[in-house]
Amino acid sequence: MGIEEGEIIAGALGDKRAIILAHHGQLVTGATVEEACNLAMLIERAARLQLVAMAAGTIQPLDPELAREAHDWTSTDRRSKANFAYYARRALRNHPDCVAGQVRT
């Protein structure tokens, strides 16, 4: 990606923490690695749930207050760290040859 594309993406991202890139996936930022990882996993989960919901029928709008409450809860530092620890344990369980970022040979 050239500088021009990076500037376009940075401009589109603005003050947000995530952006969906058409035909290229997502770009996520966070105050910590844990926060960024958690947000990326939430976006992937939401995309899967959206497809399932669309296949099941008409999607109903959420109550804005309940949506904000859910957003605020999923955005807590404590939850980000707990989710990151869970995903790290799962990755290490599925790939026991990796320890502290180094592959055993």
N, C-alpha and C. Protein backbone atom coordinates (compact mmCIF):
# COMPACT_ATOMS: atom_id res chain seq x y z
N MET A 1 0.85 -1.17 0.00
CA MET A 1 0.00 0.00 0.00
C MET A 1 0.90 1.23 0.00
N GLY A 2 0.60 2.17 -0.87
CA GLY A 2 1.36 3.39 -0.95
C GLY A 2 0.92 4.42 0.07
N ILE A 3 1.64 5.51 0.13
CA ILE A 3 1.34 6.57 1.08
C ILE A 3 -0.05 7.14 0.83
N GLU A 4 -0.42 7.30 -0.44
CA GLU A 4 -1.73 7.86 -0.78
C GLU A 4 -2.87 7.01 -0.22
N GLU A 5 -2.76 5.68 -0.38
CA GLU A 5 -3.79 4.80 0.16
C GLU A 5 -3.86 4.89 1.68
N GLY A 6 -2.70 4.97 2.32
CA GLY A 6 -2.66 5.11 3.77
C GLY A 6 -3.32 6.38 4.24
N GLU A 7 -3.11 7.46 3.51
CA GLU A 7 -3.74 8.73 3.86
C GLU A 7 -5.25 8.67 3.69
N ILE A 8 -5.71 7.99 2.64
CA ILE A 8 -7.15 7.82 2.42
C ILE A 8 -7.77 7.03 3.57
N ILE A 9 -7.11 5.95 3.96
CA ILE A 9 -7.62 5.11 5.05
C ILE A 9 -7.60 5.89 6.36
N ALA A 10 -6.52 6.60 6.64
CA ALA A 10 -6.42 7.38 7.87
C ALA A 10 -7.51 8.44 7.91
N GLY A 11 -7.78 9.08 6.77
CA GLY A 11 -8.85 10.07 6.72
C GLY A 11 -10.21 9.46 6.95
N ALA A 12 -10.44 8.27 6.39
CA ALA A 12 -11.72 7.60 6.58
C ALA A 12 -11.88 7.13 8.03
N LEU A 13 -10.78 6.70 8.63
CA LEU A 13 -10.82 6.24 10.02
C LEU A 13 -11.12 7.41 10.95
N GLY A 14 -10.51 8.55 10.69
CA GLY A 14 -10.76 9.74 11.52
C GLY A 14 -10.52 9.47 12.99
N ASP A 15 -11.51 9.77 13.82
CA ASP A 15 -11.36 9.56 15.27
C ASP A 15 -11.98 8.25 15.72
N LYS A 16 -12.34 7.39 14.77
CA LYS A 16 -12.92 6.08 15.09
C LYS A 16 -11.83 5.07 15.41
N ARG A 17 -12.23 3.96 16.00
CA ARG A 17 -11.28 2.90 16.34
C ARG A 17 -11.24 1.77 15.32
N ALA A 18 -12.21 1.75 14.39
CA ALA A 18 -12.24 0.66 13.41
C ALA A 18 -12.88 1.13 12.12
N ILE A 19 -12.51 0.47 11.04
CA ILE A 19 -13.09 0.75 9.74
C ILE A 19 -13.15 -0.57 8.96
N ILE A 20 -14.23 -0.73 8.22
CA ILE A 20 -14.37 -1.88 7.32
C ILE A 20 -13.89 -1.41 5.95
N LEU A 21 -12.94 -2.13 5.39
CA LEU A 21 -12.38 -1.78 4.09
C LEU A 21 -13.02 -2.67 3.03
N ALA A 22 -13.72 -2.08 2.08
CA ALA A 22 -14.40 -2.85 1.05
C ALA A 22 -13.41 -3.77 0.35
N HIS A 23 -13.72 -5.05 0.36
CA HIS A 23 -12.91 -6.10 -0.29
C HIS A 23 -11.53 -6.29 0.32
N HIS A 24 -11.28 -5.71 1.50
CA HIS A 24 -9.97 -5.83 2.12
C HIS A 24 -10.02 -6.16 3.61
N GLY A 25 -11.20 -6.36 4.18
CA GLY A 25 -11.29 -6.69 5.59
C GLY A 25 -11.50 -5.48 6.47
N GLN A 26 -10.78 -5.46 7.57
CA GLN A 26 -10.98 -4.41 8.56
C GLN A 26 -9.64 -3.86 9.02
N LEU A 27 -9.69 -2.66 9.59
CA LEU A 27 -8.53 -2.05 10.22
C LEU A 27 -9.00 -1.60 11.59
N VAL A 28 -8.27 -2.02 12.62
CA VAL A 28 -8.67 -1.73 13.99
C VAL A 28 -7.50 -1.11 14.74
N THR A 29 -7.82 -0.12 15.57
CA THR A 29 -6.81 0.48 16.44
C THR A 29 -7.32 0.38 17.88
N GLY A 30 -6.44 0.56 18.81
CA GLY A 30 -6.84 0.55 20.21
C GLY A 30 -5.76 1.16 21.06
N ALA A 31 -6.12 1.51 22.27
CA ALA A 31 -5.15 2.06 23.21
C ALA A 31 -4.13 1.00 23.60
N THR A 32 -4.55 -0.27 23.53
CA THR A 32 -3.67 -1.40 23.85
C THR A 32 -3.86 -2.48 22.80
N VAL A 33 -2.93 -3.41 22.76
CA VAL A 33 -3.08 -4.57 21.86
C VAL A 33 -4.32 -5.35 22.24
N GLU A 34 -4.57 -5.48 23.54
CA GLU A 34 -5.74 -6.21 24.01
C GLU A 34 -7.02 -5.59 23.48
N GLU A 35 -7.12 -4.26 23.56
CA GLU A 35 -8.32 -3.57 23.09
C GLU A 35 -8.51 -3.76 21.59
N ALA A 36 -7.44 -3.61 20.82
CA ALA A 36 -7.54 -3.77 19.37
C ALA A 36 -7.93 -5.19 19.00
N CYS A 37 -7.34 -6.18 19.65
CA CYS A 37 -7.67 -7.58 19.39
C CYS A 37 -9.13 -7.86 19.71
N ASN A 38 -9.57 -7.38 20.86
CA ASN A 38 -10.95 -7.59 21.27
C ASN A 38 -11.92 -6.96 20.28
N LEU A 39 -11.63 -5.76 19.83
CA LEU A 39 -12.49 -5.07 18.87
C LEU A 39 -12.53 -5.83 17.54
N ALA A 40 -11.39 -6.31 17.09
CA ALA A 40 -11.34 -7.08 15.84
C ALA A 40 -12.18 -8.35 15.96
N MET A 41 -12.09 -9.03 17.09
CA MET A 41 -12.87 -10.25 17.29
C MET A 41 -14.37 -9.92 17.35
N LEU A 42 -14.73 -8.81 17.98
CA LEU A 42 -16.14 -8.40 18.03
C LEU A 42 -16.68 -8.11 16.64
N ILE A 43 -15.88 -7.48 15.79
CA ILE A 43 -16.31 -7.18 14.43
C ILE A 43 -16.53 -8.47 13.65
N GLU A 44 -15.60 -9.41 13.77
CA GLU A 44 -15.75 -10.70 13.07
C GLU A 44 -17.01 -11.42 13.55
N ARG A 45 -17.23 -11.42 14.85
CA ARG A 45 -18.43 -12.08 15.41
C ARG A 45 -19.70 -11.40 14.93
N ALA A 46 -19.71 -10.08 14.93
CA ALA A 46 -20.88 -9.33 14.47
C ALA A 46 -21.17 -9.62 13.00
N ALA A 47 -20.12 -9.75 12.19
CA ALA A 47 -20.32 -10.05 10.77
C ALA A 47 -20.97 -11.42 10.59
N ARG A 48 -20.48 -12.42 11.35
CA ARG A 48 -21.09 -13.76 11.27
C ARG A 48 -22.54 -13.73 11.72
N LEU A 49 -22.81 -13.05 12.83
CA LEU A 49 -24.18 -12.97 13.35
C LEU A 49 -25.10 -12.23 12.39
N GLN A 50 -24.58 -11.21 11.72
CA GLN A 50 -25.36 -10.46 10.73
C GLN A 50 -25.79 -11.37 9.60
N LEU A 51 -24.88 -12.20 9.10
CA LEU A 51 -25.22 -13.12 8.01
C LEU A 51 -26.26 -14.15 8.46
N VAL A 52 -26.11 -14.66 9.65
CA VAL A 52 -27.09 -15.62 10.19
C VAL A 52 -28.45 -14.95 10.35
N ALA A 53 -28.45 -13.74 10.89
CA ALA A 53 -29.70 -13.02 11.10
C ALA A 53 -30.39 -12.71 9.78
N MET A 54 -29.63 -12.31 8.78
CA MET A 54 -30.21 -12.00 7.47
C MET A 54 -30.84 -13.24 6.85
N ALA A 55 -30.21 -14.39 7.06
CA ALA A 55 -30.74 -15.64 6.51
C ALA A 55 -32.01 -16.07 7.25
N ALA A 56 -32.13 -15.65 8.51
CA ALA A 56 -33.27 -16.07 9.32
C ALA A 56 -34.52 -15.23 9.10
N GLY A 57 -34.37 -14.04 8.58
CA GLY A 57 -35.54 -13.19 8.37
C GLY A 57 -35.23 -11.72 8.49
N THR A 58 -36.25 -10.94 8.72
CA THR A 58 -36.12 -9.49 8.80
C THR A 58 -35.42 -9.10 10.09
N ILE A 59 -34.43 -8.25 9.96
CA ILE A 59 -33.68 -7.78 11.12
C ILE A 59 -34.43 -6.59 11.73
N GLN A 60 -34.62 -6.63 13.02
CA GLN A 60 -35.33 -5.58 13.74
C GLN A 60 -34.32 -4.61 14.36
N PRO A 61 -34.64 -3.33 14.37
CA PRO A 61 -33.72 -2.36 14.98
C PRO A 61 -33.63 -2.56 16.50
N LEU A 62 -32.47 -2.19 17.04
CA LEU A 62 -32.25 -2.26 18.49
C LEU A 62 -32.70 -0.96 19.15
N ASP A 63 -33.09 -1.08 20.40
CA ASP A 63 -33.35 0.10 21.21
C ASP A 63 -32.01 0.83 21.37
N PRO A 64 -31.92 2.10 20.97
CA PRO A 64 -30.64 2.82 21.04
C PRO A 64 -30.00 2.84 22.43
N GLU A 65 -30.82 2.92 23.47
CA GLU A 65 -30.27 2.93 24.82
C GLU A 65 -29.63 1.59 25.17
N LEU A 66 -30.29 0.50 24.79
CA LEU A 66 -29.73 -0.83 25.05
C LEU A 66 -28.47 -1.06 24.21
N ALA A 67 -28.47 -0.58 22.98
CA ALA A 67 -27.30 -0.71 22.12
C ALA A 67 -26.11 0.04 22.72
N ARG A 68 -26.33 1.24 23.25
CA ARG A 68 -25.27 2.02 23.88
C ARG A 68 -24.75 1.31 25.13
N GLU A 69 -25.66 0.74 25.91
CA GLU A 69 -25.26 0.01 27.12
C GLU A 69 -24.37 -1.18 26.75
N ALA A 70 -24.76 -1.92 25.71
CA ALA A 70 -23.96 -3.06 25.26
C ALA A 70 -22.60 -2.59 24.75
N HIS A 71 -22.59 -1.51 23.99
CA HIS A 71 -21.34 -0.95 23.48
C HIS A 71 -20.41 -0.58 24.63
N ASP A 72 -20.95 0.13 25.59
CA ASP A 72 -20.13 0.59 26.72
C ASP A 72 -19.57 -0.60 27.50
N TRP A 73 -20.37 -1.65 27.67
CA TRP A 73 -19.91 -2.82 28.42
C TRP A 73 -18.82 -3.56 27.65
N THR A 74 -19.00 -3.72 26.34
CA THR A 74 -17.99 -4.46 25.57
C THR A 74 -16.71 -3.65 25.40
N SER A 75 -16.76 -2.36 25.69
CA SER A 75 -15.59 -1.49 25.49
C SER A 75 -14.77 -1.28 26.76
N THR A 76 -15.07 -1.99 27.83
CA THR A 76 -14.31 -1.79 29.07
C THR A 76 -12.93 -2.41 28.98
N ASP A 77 -11.97 -1.79 29.64
CA ASP A 77 -10.59 -2.28 29.65
C ASP A 77 -10.52 -3.67 30.27
N ARG A 78 -11.26 -3.89 31.33
CA ARG A 78 -11.24 -5.19 32.01
C ARG A 78 -11.72 -6.30 31.07
N ARG A 79 -12.78 -6.03 30.30
CA ARG A 79 -13.30 -7.04 29.38
C ARG A 79 -12.31 -7.29 28.25
N SER A 80 -11.69 -6.23 27.72
CA SER A 80 -10.70 -6.40 26.65
C SER A 80 -9.56 -7.29 27.10
N LYS A 81 -9.05 -7.04 28.31
CA LYS A 81 -7.94 -7.85 28.82
C LYS A 81 -8.35 -9.30 29.05
N ALA A 82 -9.54 -9.51 29.59
CA ALA A 82 -10.02 -10.88 29.83
C ALA A 82 -10.21 -11.63 28.51
N ASN A 83 -10.82 -10.98 27.53
CA ASN A 83 -11.01 -11.62 26.23
C ASN A 83 -9.67 -11.92 25.56
N PHE A 84 -8.74 -10.97 25.63
CA PHE A 84 -7.43 -11.19 25.03
C PHE A 84 -6.75 -12.39 25.67
N ALA A 85 -6.81 -12.50 26.99
CA ALA A 85 -6.21 -13.64 27.69
C ALA A 85 -6.86 -14.95 27.24
N TYR A 86 -8.18 -14.94 27.07
CA TYR A 86 -8.89 -16.13 26.60
C TYR A 86 -8.41 -16.53 25.21
N TYR A 87 -8.37 -15.57 24.28
CA TYR A 87 -7.94 -15.88 22.91
C TYR A 87 -6.48 -16.32 22.87
N ALA A 88 -5.64 -15.74 23.72
CA ALA A 88 -4.23 -16.14 23.77
C ALA A 88 -4.11 -17.58 24.27
N ARG A 89 -4.85 -17.92 25.33
CA ARG A 89 -4.82 -19.30 25.84
C ARG A 89 -5.30 -20.27 24.77
N ARG A 90 -6.37 -19.92 24.07
CA ARG A 90 -6.91 -20.78 23.02
C ARG A 90 -5.90 -20.97 21.89
N ALA A 91 -5.24 -19.88 21.49
CA ALA A 91 -4.24 -19.98 20.43
C ALA A 91 -3.08 -20.86 20.85
N LEU A 92 -2.60 -20.69 22.08
CA LEU A 92 -1.49 -21.50 22.56
C LEU A 92 -1.90 -22.97 22.72
N ARG A 93 -3.15 -23.21 23.11
CA ARG A 93 -3.63 -24.59 23.22
C ARG A 93 -3.68 -25.24 21.83
N ASN A 94 -4.11 -24.49 20.83
CA ASN A 94 -4.21 -25.02 19.47
C ASN A 94 -2.86 -25.07 18.76
N HIS A 95 -1.89 -24.33 19.26
CA HIS A 95 -0.55 -24.30 18.66
C HIS A 95 0.50 -24.42 19.76
N PRO A 96 0.61 -25.60 20.38
CA PRO A 96 1.51 -25.76 21.53
C PRO A 96 2.98 -25.62 21.17
N ASP A 97 3.31 -25.62 19.88
CA ASP A 97 4.71 -25.45 19.49
C ASP A 97 5.18 -24.00 19.60
N CYS A 98 4.25 -23.08 19.89
CA CYS A 98 4.61 -21.66 20.04
C CYS A 98 4.65 -21.28 21.51
N VAL A 99 5.74 -20.68 21.92
CA VAL A 99 5.85 -20.20 23.29
C VAL A 99 6.49 -18.82 23.24
N ALA A 100 5.82 -17.85 23.87
CA ALA A 100 6.32 -16.47 23.95
C ALA A 100 6.73 -15.93 22.59
N GLY A 101 5.93 -16.27 21.57
CA GLY A 101 6.18 -15.72 20.24
C GLY A 101 7.28 -16.42 19.45
N GLN A 102 7.88 -17.46 19.99
CA GLN A 102 8.93 -18.17 19.29
C GLN A 102 8.46 -19.58 18.95
N VAL A 103 8.72 -19.99 17.73
CA VAL A 103 8.34 -21.33 17.30
C VAL A 103 9.46 -22.29 17.65
N ARG A 104 9.11 -23.36 18.31
CA ARG A 104 10.10 -24.40 18.64
C ARG A 104 10.40 -25.20 17.37
N THR A 105 11.67 -25.53 17.20
CA THR A 105 12.04 -26.34 16.04
C THR A 105 12.56 -27.69 16.45
